[in-house]
Amino acid sequence: MRGVKVETQGMFSYISPEQRVPQDHPLRAIRGIVDRALAELDGHFRTIYSALGRPSIPPEFLLRALLLQVFYSIRSERQLMEQLDYNLLFRWFVGLGMDEEVWVPTVFTKNRDRLLDHGTIREFFRSVLEQARSQDLLSEEHFSVDGTLLEAWASQKSFQPKDPEDREGDGSDFRGQTRSNETHASVTDPDARLYKKAPGEASRLAYLGHVLMDNRHGLIAGEQVTTADGTAEVDAAVQLVDDLGGTQRITLGADKGYDRHGFVQDLRDRNVAPHVARKRKGSAIDGRTTRHAGYAMSIHVRRRIESIFGWMKTVGGMRKTRFRGLDRVGMHFSLAATAYNLVRMARLGAV
């Protein structure tokens, strides 16, 4: 017997979003870590919001929504608001009730920028990392470092001479011209630099993202975004090591691009064993480093950092950043790094 088609126009539900989310859903473990980190940031939130005026979007809701945008590779805030309107899982994770209205995309964007301007994303990253450290998920001795190219949100047409008198046309025809970062700059994203990661590749406007990885469980122990130039990777690596603090001896794995005499000496001056892959000629790494069994282990483990970059680019949206300017790109990179650590920590907790 054929059933009668009855379309329900209204619905009364006595089941909360909490009951609709399966107990073994991956976001449940992540939500617990996020809630503890946000509780630690309560004092920071009080300093960036005034006690007067109209209430804004709660910063806890903002950060949870931004994490969803990374987890599910949502390309824009408008699509994110659309998902929040009808996706019960998203509503539960953010903290919205069944009948609460979602925010206008432009309002959400303005509130998001306030968090970016006050360094909240970086504080959030540190708070999540402290949880990993308290759970003994971080090594205090063995790390790896590497950098990756982040394509800027600027076209090749925008890369024009710095002197306005030298500009001809709209910049679309640059064949036969000699262009360099000394004479040219992007008119839409001045912080972007024309750069290529390896010989034979096409140069593009880009930034460089740097990650310091913990060798024990592959968590991101430090991150940074810099302008793209020939020394940015080694300079960022030294800065990331300095940010670790502490006085105990550590090891740092890296690829052949870091095999430079100045960089290796800087590490040794900081009581860091330079477990850097050797070049065929003129290597700065000698037998006093390679004779130890730990050197081969570091060379093997450091390759895991490529999976971090792969996740951040394919899932986290960092293949081509949606922001302009070094500060904004850096905050986007920090958010993607935080999201990666949350996913990794949730899996480690399940294991």
C-alpha atoms as a PDB file:
ATOM      1  CA  MET A   1       0.000   0.000   0.000  1.00  0.00           C
ATOM      2  CA  ARG A   2       1.351   3.350  -0.988  1.00  0.00           C
ATOM      3  CA  GLY A   3       1.842   5.746   1.874  1.00  0.00           C
ATOM      4  CA  VAL A   4       0.139   9.114   1.918  1.00  0.00           C
ATOM      5  CA  LYS A   5       2.473  12.038   1.305  1.00  0.00           C
ATOM      6  CA  VAL A   6       2.128  14.485   4.185  1.00  0.00           C
ATOM      7  CA  GLU A   7       4.570  17.403   4.270  1.00  0.00           C
ATOM      8  CA  THR A   8       5.200  18.844   7.717  1.00  0.00           C
ATOM      9  CA  GLN A   9       5.317  22.638   7.711  1.00  0.00           C
ATOM     10  CA  GLY A  10       6.052  23.089  11.388  1.00  0.00           C
ATOM     11  CA  MET A  11       7.889  21.022  13.972  1.00  0.00           C
ATOM     12  CA  PHE A  12       7.969  20.839  17.741  1.00  0.00           C
ATOM     13  CA  SER A  13      11.020  18.975  19.003  1.00  0.00           C
ATOM     14  CA  TYR A  14      11.735  17.821  22.527  1.00  0.00           C
ATOM     15  CA  ILE A  15      15.212  16.548  21.623  1.00  0.00           C
ATOM     16  CA  SER A  16      18.121  18.946  22.174  1.00  0.00           C
ATOM     17  CA  PRO A  17      21.064  19.263  19.749  1.00  0.00           C
ATOM     18  CA  GLU A  18      23.204  17.602  22.430  1.00  0.00           C
ATOM     19  CA  GLN A  19      21.127  14.427  22.100  1.00  0.00           C
ATOM     20  CA  ARG A  20      21.241  14.472  18.315  1.00  0.00           C
ATOM     21  CA  VAL A  21      25.054  14.371  18.109  1.00  0.00           C
ATOM     22  CA  PRO A  22      26.392  10.786  18.383  1.00  0.00           C
ATOM     23  CA  GLN A  23      28.475  10.099  21.459  1.00  0.00           C
ATOM     24  CA  ASP A  24      31.386   8.848  19.340  1.00  0.00           C
ATOM     25  CA  HIS A  25      31.414  11.814  16.947  1.00  0.00           C
ATOM     26  CA  PRO A  26      34.970  13.217  16.499  1.00  0.00           C
ATOM     27  CA  LEU A  27      33.811  16.752  17.275  1.00  0.00           C
ATOM     28  CA  ARG A  28      32.866  15.742  20.821  1.00  0.00           C
ATOM     29  CA  ALA A  29      36.478  15.190  21.855  1.00  0.00           C
ATOM     30  CA  ILE A  30      37.523  18.390  20.081  1.00  0.00           C
ATOM     31  CA  ARG A  31      34.729  20.356  21.766  1.00  0.00           C
ATOM     32  CA  GLY A  32      36.027  19.307  25.198  1.00  0.00           C
ATOM     33  CA  ILE A  33      39.551  20.544  24.418  1.00  0.00           C
ATOM     34  CA  VAL A  34      38.196  23.784  22.943  1.00  0.00           C
ATOM     35  CA  ASP A  35      35.981  24.503  25.957  1.00  0.00           C
ATOM     36  CA  ARG A  36      38.900  24.125  28.364  1.00  0.00           C
ATOM     37  CA  ALA A  37      41.070  26.411  26.224  1.00  0.00           C
ATOM     38  CA  LEU A  38      38.326  29.061  26.006  1.00  0.00           C
ATOM     39  CA  ALA A  39      37.871  28.981  29.773  1.00  0.00           C
ATOM     40  CA  GLU A  40      41.563  29.859  30.114  1.00  0.00           C
ATOM     41  CA  LEU A  41      41.049  32.849  27.786  1.00  0.00           C
ATOM     42  CA  ASP A  42      38.235  34.403  29.827  1.00  0.00           C
ATOM     43  CA  GLY A  43      40.546  37.066  31.281  1.00  0.00           C
ATOM     44  CA  HIS A  44      41.862  37.917  27.812  1.00  0.00           C
ATOM     45  CA  PHE A  45      38.313  38.366  26.520  1.00  0.00           C
ATOM     46  CA  ARG A  46      37.487  40.780  29.340  1.00  0.00           C
ATOM     47  CA  THR A  47      40.389  43.035  28.334  1.00  0.00           C
ATOM     48  CA  ILE A  48      39.371  43.411  24.677  1.00  0.00           C
ATOM     49  CA  TYR A  49      35.644  44.071  25.182  1.00  0.00           C
ATOM     50  CA  SER A  50      34.114  47.180  26.729  1.00  0.00           C
ATOM     51  CA  ALA A  51      31.566  46.983  29.533  1.00  0.00           C
ATOM     52  CA  LEU A  52      29.404  49.528  27.677  1.00  0.00           C
ATOM     53  CA  GLY A  53      27.557  49.428  24.379  1.00  0.00           C
ATOM     54  CA  ARG A  54      25.593  46.785  22.539  1.00  0.00           C
ATOM     55  CA  PRO A  55      26.602  43.138  23.125  1.00  0.00           C
ATOM     56  CA  SER A  56      28.693  41.602  20.370  1.00  0.00           C
ATOM     57  CA  ILE A  57      28.859  38.027  19.182  1.00  0.00           C
ATOM     58  CA  PRO A  58      30.350  36.014  22.081  1.00  0.00           C
ATOM     59  CA  PRO A  59      34.041  35.401  21.316  1.00  0.00           C
ATOM     60  CA  GLU A  60      33.625  31.741  22.299  1.00  0.00           C
ATOM     61  CA  PHE A  61      31.013  31.342  19.551  1.00  0.00           C
ATOM     62  CA  LEU A  62      33.247  33.157  17.075  1.00  0.00           C
ATOM     63  CA  LEU A  63      36.243  30.921  17.681  1.00  0.00           C
ATOM     64  CA  ARG A  64      34.202  27.728  17.512  1.00  0.00           C
ATOM     65  CA  ALA A  65      32.635  28.877  14.234  1.00  0.00           C
ATOM     66  CA  LEU A  66      36.061  29.736  12.787  1.00  0.00           C
ATOM     67  CA  LEU A  67      37.285  26.269  13.708  1.00  0.00           C
ATOM     68  CA  LEU A  68      34.359  24.716  11.856  1.00  0.00           C
ATOM     69  CA  GLN A  69      35.305  26.768   8.825  1.00  0.00           C
ATOM     70  CA  VAL A  70      38.758  25.148   8.912  1.00  0.00           C
ATOM     71  CA  PHE A  71      37.600  21.606   9.757  1.00  0.00           C
ATOM     72  CA  TYR A  72      35.076  21.481   6.911  1.00  0.00           C
ATOM     73  CA  SER A  73      36.997  23.586   4.344  1.00  0.00           C
ATOM     74  CA  ILE A  74      34.253  26.215   4.104  1.00  0.00           C
ATOM     75  CA  ARG A  75      35.412  28.873   1.680  1.00  0.00           C
ATOM     76  CA  SER A  76      33.599  31.972   2.923  1.00  0.00           C
ATOM     77  CA  GLU A  77      31.808  33.431   5.905  1.00  0.00           C
ATOM     78  CA  ARG A  78      28.591  33.550   3.900  1.00  0.00           C
ATOM     79  CA  GLN A  79      28.702  29.797   3.359  1.00  0.00           C
ATOM     80  CA  LEU A  80      29.537  29.324   7.031  1.00  0.00           C
ATOM     81  CA  MET A  81      26.449  31.276   8.096  1.00  0.00           C
ATOM     82  CA  GLU A  82      24.346  29.228   5.682  1.00  0.00           C
ATOM     83  CA  GLN A  83      25.606  26.005   7.249  1.00  0.00           C
ATOM     84  CA  LEU A  84      24.969  27.313  10.760  1.00  0.00           C
ATOM     85  CA  ASP A  85      21.380  28.087   9.816  1.00  0.00           C
ATOM     86  CA  TYR A  86      20.379  24.480   9.107  1.00  0.00           C
ATOM     87  CA  ASN A  87      23.193  22.191  10.271  1.00  0.00           C
ATOM     88  CA  LEU A  88      22.387  20.857  13.752  1.00  0.00           C
ATOM     89  CA  LEU A  89      25.925  19.574  14.253  1.00  0.00           C
ATOM     90  CA  PHE A  90      27.342  23.037  13.584  1.00  0.00           C
ATOM     91  CA  ARG A  91      24.791  24.657  15.906  1.00  0.00           C
ATOM     92  CA  TRP A  92      25.689  22.258  18.692  1.00  0.00           C
ATOM     93  CA  PHE A  93      29.453  22.806  18.291  1.00  0.00           C
ATOM     94  CA  VAL A  94      29.158  26.609  18.265  1.00  0.00           C
ATOM     95  CA  GLY A  95      26.615  26.670  21.111  1.00  0.00           C
ATOM     96  CA  LEU A  96      23.577  28.031  19.281  1.00  0.00           C
ATOM     97  CA  GLY A  97      20.086  26.896  20.242  1.00  0.00           C
ATOM     98  CA  MET A  98      17.612  25.365  17.818  1.00  0.00           C
ATOM     99  CA  ASP A  99      15.648  28.595  17.356  1.00  0.00           C
ATOM    100  CA  GLU A 100      18.449  31.169  17.593  1.00  0.00           C
ATOM    101  CA  GLU A 101      19.091  33.282  14.518  1.00  0.00           C
ATOM    102  CA  VAL A 102      22.485  33.134  12.875  1.00  0.00           C
ATOM    103  CA  TRP A 103      24.504  36.274  12.286  1.00  0.00           C
ATOM    104  CA  VAL A 104      24.683  38.423   9.171  1.00  0.00           C
ATOM    105  CA  PRO A 105      27.949  37.563   7.369  1.00  0.00           C
ATOM    106  CA  THR A 106      29.234  41.141   7.481  1.00  0.00           C
ATOM    107  CA  VAL A 107      28.550  41.358  11.229  1.00  0.00           C
ATOM    108  CA  PHE A 108      30.364  38.076  11.772  1.00  0.00           C
ATOM    109  CA  THR A 109      33.342  39.330   9.734  1.00  0.00           C
ATOM    110  CA  LYS A 110      33.649  42.573  11.721  1.00  0.00           C
ATOM    111  CA  ASN A 111      33.531  40.698  15.015  1.00  0.00           C
ATOM    112  CA  ARG A 112      36.106  38.227  13.688  1.00  0.00           C
ATOM    113  CA  ASP A 113      38.478  41.063  12.793  1.00  0.00           C
ATOM    114  CA  ARG A 114      38.371  42.267  16.396  1.00  0.00           C
ATOM    115  CA  LEU A 115      39.744  38.922  17.513  1.00  0.00           C
ATOM    116  CA  LEU A 116      42.444  39.058  14.855  1.00  0.00           C
ATOM    117  CA  ASP A 117      43.479  42.581  15.852  1.00  0.00           C
ATOM    118  CA  HIS A 118      43.981  41.636  19.512  1.00  0.00           C
ATOM    119  CA  GLY A 119      46.030  38.485  18.987  1.00  0.00           C
ATOM    120  CA  THR A 120      43.301  36.186  20.268  1.00  0.00           C
ATOM    121  CA  ILE A 121      44.105  33.446  17.743  1.00  0.00           C
ATOM    122  CA  ARG A 122      47.695  33.228  18.976  1.00  0.00           C
ATOM    123  CA  GLU A 123      46.526  33.085  22.598  1.00  0.00           C
ATOM    124  CA  PHE A 124      44.114  30.322  21.615  1.00  0.00           C
ATOM    125  CA  PHE A 125      46.940  28.383  19.952  1.00  0.00           C
ATOM    126  CA  ARG A 126      49.083  28.653  23.104  1.00  0.00           C
ATOM    127  CA  SER A 127      46.210  27.595  25.356  1.00  0.00           C
ATOM    128  CA  VAL A 128      45.566  24.449  23.297  1.00  0.00           C
ATOM    129  CA  LEU A 129      49.296  23.697  23.230  1.00  0.00           C
ATOM    130  CA  GLU A 130      49.498  23.965  27.022  1.00  0.00           C
ATOM    131  CA  GLN A 131      46.815  21.293  27.291  1.00  0.00           C
ATOM    132  CA  ALA A 132      48.921  18.996  25.132  1.00  0.00           C
ATOM    133  CA  ARG A 133      51.934  19.706  27.333  1.00  0.00           C
ATOM    134  CA  SER A 134      49.994  19.040  30.526  1.00  0.00           C
ATOM    135  CA  GLN A 135      48.852  15.678  29.100  1.00  0.00           C
ATOM    136  CA  ASP A 136      52.467  14.740  28.286  1.00  0.00           C
ATOM    137  CA  LEU A 137      51.789  14.766  24.543  1.00  0.00           C
ATOM    138  CA  LEU A 138      54.717  17.074  23.752  1.00  0.00           C
ATOM    139  CA  SER A 139      58.374  16.161  23.669  1.00  0.00           C
ATOM    140  CA  GLU A 140      60.703  18.628  25.355  1.00  0.00           C
ATOM    141  CA  GLU A 141      63.797  17.397  23.527  1.00  0.00           C
ATOM    142  CA  HIS A 142      63.207  16.497  19.870  1.00  0.00           C
ATOM    143  CA  PHE A 143      61.747  18.802  17.210  1.00  0.00           C
ATOM    144  CA  SER A 144      61.733  19.359  13.454  1.00  0.00           C
ATOM    145  CA  VAL A 145      61.323  22.520  11.412  1.00  0.00           C
ATOM    146  CA  ASP A 146      60.362  23.311   7.834  1.00  0.00           C
ATOM    147  CA  GLY A 147      58.746  25.992   5.713  1.00  0.00           C
ATOM    148  CA  THR A 148      56.180  25.992   2.939  1.00  0.00           C
ATOM    149  CA  LEU A 149      54.971  28.389   0.266  1.00  0.00           C
ATOM    150  CA  LEU A 150      51.623  30.105   0.874  1.00  0.00           C
ATOM    151  CA  GLU A 151      50.178  31.628  -2.269  1.00  0.00           C
ATOM    152  CA  ALA A 152      49.048  35.201  -1.687  1.00  0.00           C
ATOM    153  CA  TRP A 153      45.590  36.571  -2.494  1.00  0.00           C
ATOM    154  CA  ALA A 154      47.012  38.796  -5.225  1.00  0.00           C
ATOM    155  CA  SER A 155      47.313  38.293  -8.966  1.00  0.00           C
ATOM    156  CA  GLN A 156      50.402  38.664 -11.107  1.00  0.00           C
ATOM    157  CA  LYS A 157      48.772  41.705 -12.694  1.00  0.00           C
ATOM    158  CA  SER A 158      49.005  43.536  -9.376  1.00  0.00           C
ATOM    159  CA  PHE A 159      52.822  43.166  -9.311  1.00  0.00           C
ATOM    160  CA  GLN A 160      53.753  46.523 -10.820  1.00  0.00           C
ATOM    161  CA  PRO A 161      56.664  48.972 -10.617  1.00  0.00           C
ATOM    162  CA  LYS A 162      56.927  50.822  -7.327  1.00  0.00           C
ATOM    163  CA  ASP A 163      57.381  54.109  -9.190  1.00  0.00           C
ATOM    164  CA  PRO A 164      53.939  55.097 -10.550  1.00  0.00           C
ATOM    165  CA  GLU A 165      55.574  56.817 -13.530  1.00  0.00           C
ATOM    166  CA  ASP A 166      56.952  53.487 -14.745  1.00  0.00           C
ATOM    167  CA  ARG A 167      53.565  51.752 -14.804  1.00  0.00           C
ATOM    168  CA  GLU A 168      52.045  51.069 -18.207  1.00  0.00           C
ATOM    169  CA  GLY A 169      48.553  49.685 -18.729  1.00  0.00           C
ATOM    170  CA  ASP A 170      46.871  47.391 -16.236  1.00  0.00           C
ATOM    171  CA  GLY A 171      49.890  45.141 -15.679  1.00  0.00           C
ATOM    172  CA  SER A 172      48.461  42.197 -17.622  1.00  0.00           C
ATOM    173  CA  ASP A 173      51.244  42.201 -20.238  1.00  0.00           C
ATOM    174  CA  PHE A 174      54.634  41.828 -18.532  1.00  0.00           C
ATOM    175  CA  ARG A 175      56.423  39.617 -21.056  1.00  0.00           C
ATOM    176  CA  GLY A 176      59.967  40.699 -21.726  1.00  0.00           C
ATOM    177  CA  GLN A 177      60.050  42.816 -18.571  1.00  0.00           C
ATOM    178  CA  THR A 178      62.533  42.338 -15.757  1.00  0.00           C
ATOM    179  CA  ARG A 179      60.595  42.172 -12.520  1.00  0.00           C
ATOM    180  CA  SER A 180      62.003  41.822  -9.011  1.00  0.00           C
ATOM    181  CA  ASN A 181      60.969  42.559  -5.458  1.00  0.00           C
ATOM    182  CA  GLU A 182      63.410  45.484  -5.381  1.00  0.00           C
ATOM    183  CA  THR A 183      61.679  47.344  -8.234  1.00  0.00           C
ATOM    184  CA  HIS A 184      58.129  45.960  -8.139  1.00  0.00           C
ATOM    185  CA  ALA A 185      55.418  45.387  -5.526  1.00  0.00           C
ATOM    186  CA  SER A 186      51.826  44.210  -5.480  1.00  0.00           C
ATOM    187  CA  VAL A 187      49.372  47.089  -5.388  1.00  0.00           C
ATOM    188  CA  THR A 188      46.729  44.909  -3.693  1.00  0.00           C
ATOM    189  CA  ASP A 189      48.969  43.085  -1.173  1.00  0.00           C
ATOM    190  CA  PRO A 190      52.244  44.986  -0.622  1.00  0.00           C
ATOM    191  CA  ASP A 191      53.535  42.401   1.884  1.00  0.00           C
ATOM    192  CA  ALA A 192      53.488  39.595  -0.708  1.00  0.00           C
ATOM    193  CA  ARG A 193      56.766  38.808  -2.477  1.00  0.00           C
ATOM    194  CA  LEU A 194      57.539  37.204  -5.828  1.00  0.00           C
ATOM    195  CA  TYR A 195      59.149  33.903  -4.885  1.00  0.00           C
ATOM    196  CA  LYS A 196      59.718  30.297  -5.927  1.00  0.00           C
ATOM    197  CA  LYS A 197      60.536  27.481  -3.531  1.00  0.00           C
ATOM    198  CA  ALA A 198      62.726  25.429  -5.860  1.00  0.00           C
ATOM    199  CA  PRO A 199      64.578  25.882  -9.183  1.00  0.00           C
ATOM    200  CA  GLY A 200      62.398  25.240 -12.208  1.00  0.00           C
ATOM    201  CA  GLU A 201      59.183  26.321 -10.509  1.00  0.00           C
ATOM    202  CA  ALA A 202      57.213  29.369 -11.591  1.00  0.00           C
ATOM    203  CA  SER A 203      57.588  32.424  -9.391  1.00  0.00           C
ATOM    204  CA  ARG A 204      54.411  33.602  -7.693  1.00  0.00           C
ATOM    205  CA  LEU A 205      53.325  36.159  -5.143  1.00  0.00           C
ATOM    206  CA  ALA A 206      53.519  34.385  -1.835  1.00  0.00           C
ATOM    207  CA  TYR A 207      54.348  34.229   1.847  1.00  0.00           C
ATOM    208  CA  LEU A 208      56.280  31.575   3.740  1.00  0.00           C
ATOM    209  CA  GLY A 209      54.699  29.551   6.534  1.00  0.00           C
ATOM    210  CA  HIS A 210      57.010  27.924   9.092  1.00  0.00           C
ATOM    211  CA  VAL A 211      56.221  25.095  11.514  1.00  0.00           C
ATOM    212  CA  LEU A 212      58.151  23.677  14.456  1.00  0.00           C
ATOM    213  CA  MET A 213      56.956  20.086  14.948  1.00  0.00           C
ATOM    214  CA  ASP A 214      57.180  17.969  18.067  1.00  0.00           C
ATOM    215  CA  ASN A 215      58.776  14.661  17.044  1.00  0.00           C
ATOM    216  CA  ARG A 216      56.908  12.534  19.585  1.00  0.00           C
ATOM    217  CA  HIS A 217      53.331  12.881  18.344  1.00  0.00           C
ATOM    218  CA  GLY A 218      53.631  15.252  15.389  1.00  0.00           C
ATOM    219  CA  LEU A 219      51.988  18.236  17.071  1.00  0.00           C
ATOM    220  CA  ILE A 220      52.761  21.802  16.035  1.00  0.00           C
ATOM    221  CA  ALA A 221      54.890  23.312  18.812  1.00  0.00           C
ATOM    222  CA  GLY A 222      55.438  26.641  17.060  1.00  0.00           C
ATOM    223  CA  GLU A 223      54.380  28.461  13.920  1.00  0.00           C
ATOM    224  CA  GLN A 224      55.154  31.676  12.096  1.00  0.00           C
ATOM    225  CA  VAL A 225      54.486  33.425   8.784  1.00  0.00           C
ATOM    226  CA  THR A 226      57.095  35.658   7.157  1.00  0.00           C
ATOM    227  CA  THR A 227      57.592  37.453   3.903  1.00  0.00           C
ATOM    228  CA  ALA A 228      59.190  35.254   1.263  1.00  0.00           C
ATOM    229  CA  ASP A 229      62.932  35.669   0.792  1.00  0.00           C
ATOM    230  CA  GLY A 230      66.049  33.523   0.658  1.00  0.00           C
ATOM    231  CA  THR A 231      66.893  33.636   4.373  1.00  0.00           C
ATOM    232  CA  ALA A 232      63.382  33.592   5.824  1.00  0.00           C
ATOM    233  CA  GLU A 233      63.374  29.853   6.554  1.00  0.00           C
ATOM    234  CA  VAL A 234      66.564  29.791   8.612  1.00  0.00           C
ATOM    235  CA  ASP A 235      65.719  33.062  10.371  1.00  0.00           C
ATOM    236  CA  ALA A 236      62.273  31.769  11.318  1.00  0.00           C
ATOM    237  CA  ALA A 237      63.747  28.461  12.517  1.00  0.00           C
ATOM    238  CA  VAL A 238      66.079  30.273  14.914  1.00  0.00           C
ATOM    239  CA  GLN A 239      63.189  32.404  16.174  1.00  0.00           C
ATOM    240  CA  LEU A 240      60.983  29.359  16.746  1.00  0.00           C
ATOM    241  CA  VAL A 241      63.777  27.668  18.717  1.00  0.00           C
ATOM    242  CA  ASP A 242      64.211  30.799  20.831  1.00  0.00           C
ATOM    243  CA  ASP A 243      60.467  30.891  21.516  1.00  0.00           C
ATOM    244  CA  LEU A 244      60.674  27.416  23.050  1.00  0.00           C
ATOM    245  CA  GLY A 245      62.717  28.756  25.921  1.00  0.00           C
ATOM    246  CA  GLY A 246      64.393  26.465  28.390  1.00  0.00           C
ATOM    247  CA  THR A 247      68.053  25.609  28.816  1.00  0.00           C
ATOM    248  CA  GLN A 248      68.142  21.858  28.234  1.00  0.00           C
ATOM    249  CA  ARG A 249      69.739  20.429  25.103  1.00  0.00           C
ATOM    250  CA  ILE A 250      67.345  19.660  22.236  1.00  0.00           C
ATOM    251  CA  THR A 251      67.623  18.292  18.711  1.00  0.00           C
ATOM    252  CA  LEU A 252      66.276  19.985  15.583  1.00  0.00           C
ATOM    253  CA  GLY A 253      65.677  18.057  12.372  1.00  0.00           C
ATOM    254  CA  ALA A 254      65.537  19.857   9.020  1.00  0.00           C
ATOM    255  CA  ASP A 255      66.036  19.254   5.303  1.00  0.00           C
ATOM    256  CA  LYS A 256      69.025  20.139   3.131  1.00  0.00           C
ATOM    257  CA  GLY A 257      67.835  23.708   2.654  1.00  0.00           C
ATOM    258  CA  TYR A 258      68.899  24.394   6.238  1.00  0.00           C
ATOM    259  CA  ASP A 259      72.420  23.007   5.764  1.00  0.00           C
ATOM    260  CA  ARG A 260      74.138  26.375   6.087  1.00  0.00           C
ATOM    261  CA  HIS A 261      77.206  27.106   8.192  1.00  0.00           C
ATOM    262  CA  GLY A 262      75.736  30.188   9.836  1.00  0.00           C
ATOM    263  CA  PHE A 263      72.487  28.443  10.769  1.00  0.00           C
ATOM    264  CA  VAL A 264      74.224  25.342  12.122  1.00  0.00           C
ATOM    265  CA  GLN A 265      76.511  27.495  14.254  1.00  0.00           C
ATOM    266  CA  ASP A 266      73.542  29.493  15.570  1.00  0.00           C
ATOM    267  CA  LEU A 267      71.931  26.239  16.708  1.00  0.00           C
ATOM    268  CA  ARG A 268      75.068  25.010  18.432  1.00  0.00           C
ATOM    269  CA  ASP A 269      75.408  28.345  20.225  1.00  0.00           C
ATOM    270  CA  ARG A 270      71.890  27.741  21.594  1.00  0.00           C
ATOM    271  CA  ASN A 271      72.703  24.207  22.820  1.00  0.00           C
ATOM    272  CA  VAL A 272      70.706  22.677  19.948  1.00  0.00           C
ATOM    273  CA  ALA A 273      71.954  19.600  18.102  1.00  0.00           C
ATOM    274  CA  PRO A 274      71.567  20.368  14.355  1.00  0.00           C
ATOM    275  CA  HIS A 275      70.065  17.168  12.910  1.00  0.00           C
ATOM    276  CA  VAL A 276      70.036  18.661   9.410  1.00  0.00           C
ATOM    277  CA  ALA A 277      70.133  16.575   6.228  1.00  0.00           C
ATOM    278  CA  ARG A 278      73.568  16.916   4.614  1.00  0.00           C
ATOM    279  CA  LYS A 279      74.299  18.401   1.230  1.00  0.00           C
ATOM    280  CA  ARG A 280      76.600  16.456  -1.078  1.00  0.00           C
ATOM    281  CA  LYS A 281      79.182  19.232  -1.151  1.00  0.00           C
ATOM    282  CA  GLY A 282      80.140  21.837   1.416  1.00  0.00           C
ATOM    283  CA  SER A 283      77.986  20.475   4.216  1.00  0.00           C
ATOM    284  CA  ALA A 284      78.113  22.150   7.624  1.00  0.00           C
ATOM    285  CA  ILE A 285      77.204  18.853   9.335  1.00  0.00           C
ATOM    286  CA  ASP A 286      80.175  16.711  10.380  1.00  0.00           C
ATOM    287  CA  GLY A 287      80.804  13.421  12.125  1.00  0.00           C
ATOM    288  CA  ARG A 288      80.231  14.724  15.637  1.00  0.00           C
ATOM    289  CA  THR A 289      76.521  14.959  14.708  1.00  0.00           C
ATOM    290  CA  THR A 290      76.000  12.107  12.237  1.00  0.00           C
ATOM    291  CA  ARG A 291      77.706   9.469  14.420  1.00  0.00           C
ATOM    292  CA  HIS A 292      74.792   9.408  16.861  1.00  0.00           C
ATOM    293  CA  ALA A 293      71.830   7.077  16.246  1.00  0.00           C
ATOM    294  CA  GLY A 294      69.463   9.920  17.042  1.00  0.00           C
ATOM    295  CA  TYR A 295      70.585  11.762  13.909  1.00  0.00           C
ATOM    296  CA  ALA A 296      69.189   9.073  11.600  1.00  0.00           C
ATOM    297  CA  MET A 297      65.983   8.965  13.631  1.00  0.00           C
ATOM    298  CA  SER A 298      65.502  12.737  13.340  1.00  0.00           C
ATOM    299  CA  ILE A 299      66.096  12.635   9.578  1.00  0.00           C
ATOM    300  CA  HIS A 300      63.435   9.940   9.273  1.00  0.00           C
ATOM    301  CA  VAL A 301      60.852  11.546  11.570  1.00  0.00           C
ATOM    302  CA  ARG A 302      61.158  15.073  10.172  1.00  0.00           C
ATOM    303  CA  ARG A 303      59.385  13.965   6.977  1.00  0.00           C
ATOM    304  CA  ARG A 304      56.173  13.822   9.003  1.00  0.00           C
ATOM    305  CA  ILE A 305      56.055  17.611   8.891  1.00  0.00           C
ATOM    306  CA  GLU A 306      55.031  17.392   5.236  1.00  0.00           C
ATOM    307  CA  SER A 307      51.739  15.801   6.303  1.00  0.00           C
ATOM    308  CA  ILE A 308      51.093  18.869   8.475  1.00  0.00           C
ATOM    309  CA  PHE A 309      51.537  21.175   5.503  1.00  0.00           C
ATOM    310  CA  GLY A 310      49.397  18.879   3.372  1.00  0.00           C
ATOM    311  CA  TRP A 311      46.530  19.000   5.889  1.00  0.00           C
ATOM    312  CA  MET A 312      46.774  22.765   6.346  1.00  0.00           C
ATOM    313  CA  LYS A 313      46.641  23.336   2.584  1.00  0.00           C
ATOM    314  CA  THR A 314      44.015  20.815   1.504  1.00  0.00           C
ATOM    315  CA  VAL A 315      41.711  20.974   4.541  1.00  0.00           C
ATOM    316  CA  GLY A 316      42.711  24.169   6.313  1.00  0.00           C
ATOM    317  CA  GLY A 317      42.524  26.384   3.220  1.00  0.00           C
ATOM    318  CA  MET A 318      46.153  27.554   3.359  1.00  0.00           C
ATOM    319  CA  ARG A 319      47.104  26.629  -0.212  1.00  0.00           C
ATOM    320  CA  LYS A 320      45.995  30.122  -1.155  1.00  0.00           C
ATOM    321  CA  THR A 321      45.260  32.418   1.732  1.00  0.00           C
ATOM    322  CA  ARG A 322      41.996  34.379   1.815  1.00  0.00           C
ATOM    323  CA  PHE A 323      43.571  37.324   3.643  1.00  0.00           C
ATOM    324  CA  ARG A 324      45.913  40.113   2.655  1.00  0.00           C
ATOM    325  CA  GLY A 325      48.796  41.503   4.657  1.00  0.00           C
ATOM    326  CA  LEU A 326      51.377  39.721   6.783  1.00  0.00           C
ATOM    327  CA  ASP A 327      49.438  40.038  10.055  1.00  0.00           C
ATOM    328  CA  ARG A 328      46.170  38.706   8.638  1.00  0.00           C
ATOM    329  CA  VAL A 329      47.857  35.813   6.832  1.00  0.00           C
ATOM    330  CA  GLY A 330      49.740  34.997  10.041  1.00  0.00           C
ATOM    331  CA  MET A 331      46.522  34.832  12.048  1.00  0.00           C
ATOM    332  CA  HIS A 332      44.922  32.558   9.439  1.00  0.00           C
ATOM    333  CA  PHE A 333      47.965  30.289   9.625  1.00  0.00           C
ATOM    334  CA  SER A 334      47.758  30.204  13.446  1.00  0.00           C
ATOM    335  CA  LEU A 335      44.085  29.222  13.266  1.00  0.00           C
ATOM    336  CA  ALA A 336      44.852  26.380  10.855  1.00  0.00           C
ATOM    337  CA  ALA A 337      47.713  25.229  13.111  1.00  0.00           C
ATOM    338  CA  THR A 338      45.386  25.260  16.127  1.00  0.00           C
ATOM    339  CA  ALA A 339      42.776  23.254  14.226  1.00  0.00           C
ATOM    340  CA  TYR A 340      45.403  20.692  13.227  1.00  0.00           C
ATOM    341  CA  ASN A 341      46.545  20.282  16.830  1.00  0.00           C
ATOM    342  CA  LEU A 342      42.952  19.829  17.974  1.00  0.00           C
ATOM    343  CA  VAL A 343      42.347  17.059  15.454  1.00  0.00           C
ATOM    344  CA  ARG A 344      45.629  15.393  16.365  1.00  0.00           C
ATOM    345  CA  MET A 345      45.026  15.655  20.124  1.00  0.00           C
ATOM    346  CA  ALA A 346      41.524  14.220  19.776  1.00  0.00           C
ATOM    347  CA  ARG A 347      42.913  11.214  17.915  1.00  0.00           C
ATOM    348  CA  LEU A 348      45.661  10.697  20.461  1.00  0.00           C
ATOM    349  CA  GLY A 349      43.096  10.860  23.242  1.00  0.00           C
ATOM    350  CA  ALA A 350      40.996   8.228  21.499  1.00  0.00           C
ATOM    351  CA  VAL A 351      44.021   5.964  21.176  1.00  0.00           C
END
